[in-house]
Amino acid sequence: MSAKIRNIAIIAHVDHGKTTLVDKLLEQSGTLDSRKAPGERVMDSNDQEKERGITITSKNTSIEWNGYHINIVDTPGHADFGGEVERVLSMVDSVLLLVDAVDGPMPQTRFVTQKAFAMGFKPIVVINKIDRDGANPDRA
């Protein structure tokens, strides 16, 4: 692995904000124009994903940040697509685990975390949605 390239998978339970986080990373890095239509998600590109509001197949993108080329893989959070997450974990060198501050760790959170640990990863944990009513970041 080149010292200036990072490959990271974003994993979490369904609806904990993986795709939204990737979209925001694309905006903040200047990769994506922040003037896209409100509510439009770049990473969920096929019609079924748009209709259901969930990621079904993993998608990759990349950003340039502080001299690093960061390849990001947005993974599905729904349990029906857990095999897709396992496949992606075999292709990356780091993992970001996203946890909703209201819901806390959910069944798929535990599933993907166990898979990441089994593959030797030490996930970067990010607590998301701390601005929502009922958020409890300490519990998450």
Protein backbone atom coordinates (compact mmCIF):
# COMPACT_ATOMS: atom_id res chain seq x y z
CA MET A 1 0.00 0.00 0.00
CA SER A 2 1.30 3.42 -0.93
CA ALA A 3 1.83 5.76 2.02
CA LYS A 4 -0.47 8.28 0.34
CA ILE A 5 -3.42 5.97 -0.47
CA ARG A 6 -6.05 4.82 2.02
CA ASN A 7 -8.92 2.40 1.37
CA ILE A 8 -11.76 2.64 3.87
CA ALA A 9 -15.16 0.97 4.17
CA ILE A 10 -17.99 2.71 5.99
CA ILE A 11 -20.10 0.16 7.86
CA ALA A 12 -23.20 0.46 10.06
CA HIS A 13 -26.78 -0.59 10.63
CA VAL A 14 -29.33 0.51 8.04
CA ASP A 15 -30.29 4.21 8.20
CA HIS A 16 -27.45 5.21 10.50
CA GLY A 17 -26.16 7.69 7.90
CA LYS A 18 -23.41 5.98 5.88
CA THR A 19 -24.44 7.31 2.48
CA THR A 20 -25.16 10.79 3.81
CA LEU A 21 -21.72 10.83 5.45
CA VAL A 22 -20.04 9.88 2.16
CA ASP A 23 -21.98 12.60 0.35
CA LYS A 24 -20.85 15.15 2.95
CA LEU A 25 -17.23 13.99 2.68
CA LEU A 26 -17.46 14.50 -1.08
CA GLU A 27 -18.83 18.01 -0.54
CA GLN A 28 -16.28 19.01 2.12
CA SER A 29 -13.35 17.76 0.05
CA GLY A 30 -14.52 19.82 -2.92
CA THR A 31 -15.08 16.68 -4.98
CA LEU A 32 -18.84 17.28 -5.24
CA ASP A 33 -20.69 20.49 -5.89
CA SER A 34 -22.67 21.31 -2.74
CA ARG A 35 -25.42 22.85 -4.89
CA LYS A 36 -27.02 19.50 -5.76
CA ALA A 37 -30.77 19.20 -5.20
CA PRO A 38 -31.73 19.00 -1.50
CA GLY A 39 -32.18 15.40 -0.38
CA GLU A 40 -30.46 14.03 -3.49
CA ARG A 41 -27.93 11.35 -2.60
CA VAL A 42 -25.02 10.85 -4.94
CA MET A 43 -24.03 7.36 -3.83
CA ASP A 44 -27.47 5.71 -4.11
CA SER A 45 -27.63 5.84 -7.87
CA ASN A 46 -29.93 3.08 -9.09
CA ASP A 47 -33.71 3.43 -9.20
CA GLN A 48 -34.40 0.74 -6.60
CA GLU A 49 -32.04 2.38 -4.10
CA LYS A 50 -33.62 5.77 -4.69
CA GLU A 51 -37.12 4.33 -4.29
CA ARG A 52 -36.32 2.39 -1.10
CA GLY A 53 -33.95 4.98 0.35
CA ILE A 54 -31.31 2.36 1.17
CA THR A 55 -28.00 1.23 -0.28
CA ILE A 56 -28.27 -2.19 -1.90
CA THR A 57 -24.88 -2.58 -3.55
CA SER A 58 -21.60 -1.18 -2.30
CA LYS A 59 -20.23 1.76 -4.21
CA ASN A 60 -16.83 3.34 -4.21
CA THR A 61 -15.70 6.90 -4.57
CA SER A 62 -12.55 8.78 -3.70
CA ILE A 63 -11.47 12.10 -2.32
CA GLU A 64 -8.19 13.94 -2.10
CA TRP A 65 -7.47 15.25 1.39
CA ASN A 66 -4.27 16.77 2.75
CA GLY A 67 -2.12 15.00 0.18
CA TYR A 68 -3.86 11.63 0.59
CA HIS A 69 -5.96 9.79 -1.95
CA ILE A 70 -8.77 8.20 0.08
CA ASN A 71 -10.86 5.48 -1.55
CA ILE A 72 -14.18 5.19 0.28
CA VAL A 73 -16.60 2.28 -0.03
CA ASP A 74 -20.20 2.95 1.02
CA THR A 75 -21.68 -0.38 2.12
CA PRO A 76 -25.29 -1.51 2.59
CA GLY A 77 -26.65 -1.47 6.12
CA HIS A 78 -29.64 -3.76 5.68
CA ALA A 79 -29.17 -7.30 7.01
CA ASP A 80 -30.25 -8.79 3.66
CA PHE A 81 -27.04 -7.44 2.15
CA GLY A 82 -24.57 -8.47 4.88
CA GLY A 83 -22.64 -10.63 2.41
CA GLU A 84 -21.88 -7.51 0.40
CA VAL A 85 -20.29 -5.93 3.49
CA GLU A 86 -18.16 -9.02 4.12
CA ARG A 87 -16.93 -8.95 0.51
CA VAL A 88 -15.93 -5.29 0.80
CA LEU A 89 -14.07 -5.85 4.07
CA SER A 90 -11.70 -8.17 2.21
CA MET A 91 -10.73 -5.30 -0.11
CA VAL A 92 -10.00 -2.39 2.25
CA ASP A 93 -7.33 -1.59 4.80
CA SER A 94 -9.49 0.33 7.30
CA VAL A 95 -13.05 0.58 8.57
CA LEU A 96 -15.19 3.44 9.82
CA LEU A 97 -18.08 2.23 12.01
CA LEU A 98 -20.99 4.67 12.15
CA VAL A 99 -23.42 4.48 15.10
CA ASP A 100 -26.67 6.45 15.41
CA ALA A 101 -26.72 8.39 18.73
CA VAL A 102 -30.46 7.80 19.15
CA ASP A 103 -30.66 4.11 18.19
CA GLY A 104 -27.28 3.08 19.55
CA PRO A 105 -25.75 -0.20 18.37
CA MET A 106 -28.33 -2.29 16.53
CA PRO A 107 -28.19 -5.92 15.31
CA GLN A 108 -26.47 -5.10 12.01
CA THR A 109 -24.04 -2.82 13.87
CA ARG A 110 -22.98 -5.82 15.91
CA PHE A 111 -22.84 -8.10 12.85
CA VAL A 112 -20.57 -5.83 10.80
CA THR A 113 -18.43 -5.01 13.84
CA GLN A 114 -17.84 -8.72 14.52
CA LYS A 115 -16.90 -9.25 10.87
CA ALA A 116 -14.48 -6.31 11.01
CA PHE A 117 -12.85 -7.60 14.22
CA ALA A 118 -12.60 -11.12 12.75
CA MET A 119 -10.63 -9.67 9.83
CA GLY A 120 -8.24 -7.85 12.16
CA PHE A 121 -9.63 -4.33 11.80
CA LYS A 122 -9.72 -1.78 14.60
CA PRO A 123 -12.69 0.31 13.45
CA ILE A 124 -12.76 4.08 13.73
CA VAL A 125 -16.03 4.70 15.59
CA VAL A 126 -18.08 7.75 14.65
CA ILE A 127 -21.23 8.68 16.58
CA ASN A 128 -23.74 10.20 14.18
CA LYS A 129 -26.97 12.18 14.55
CA ILE A 130 -26.04 13.67 17.93
CA ASP A 131 -28.21 16.69 17.13
CA ARG A 132 -31.45 14.65 17.08
CA ASP A 133 -33.95 14.65 19.95
CA GLY A 134 -33.30 11.68 22.21
CA ALA A 135 -29.66 11.39 21.22
CA ASN A 136 -27.46 9.73 23.82
CA PRO A 137 -23.89 9.71 22.49
CA ASP A 138 -22.57 8.16 25.71
CA ARG A 139 -24.81 5.11 25.23
CA ALA A 140 -24.09 4.84 21.51
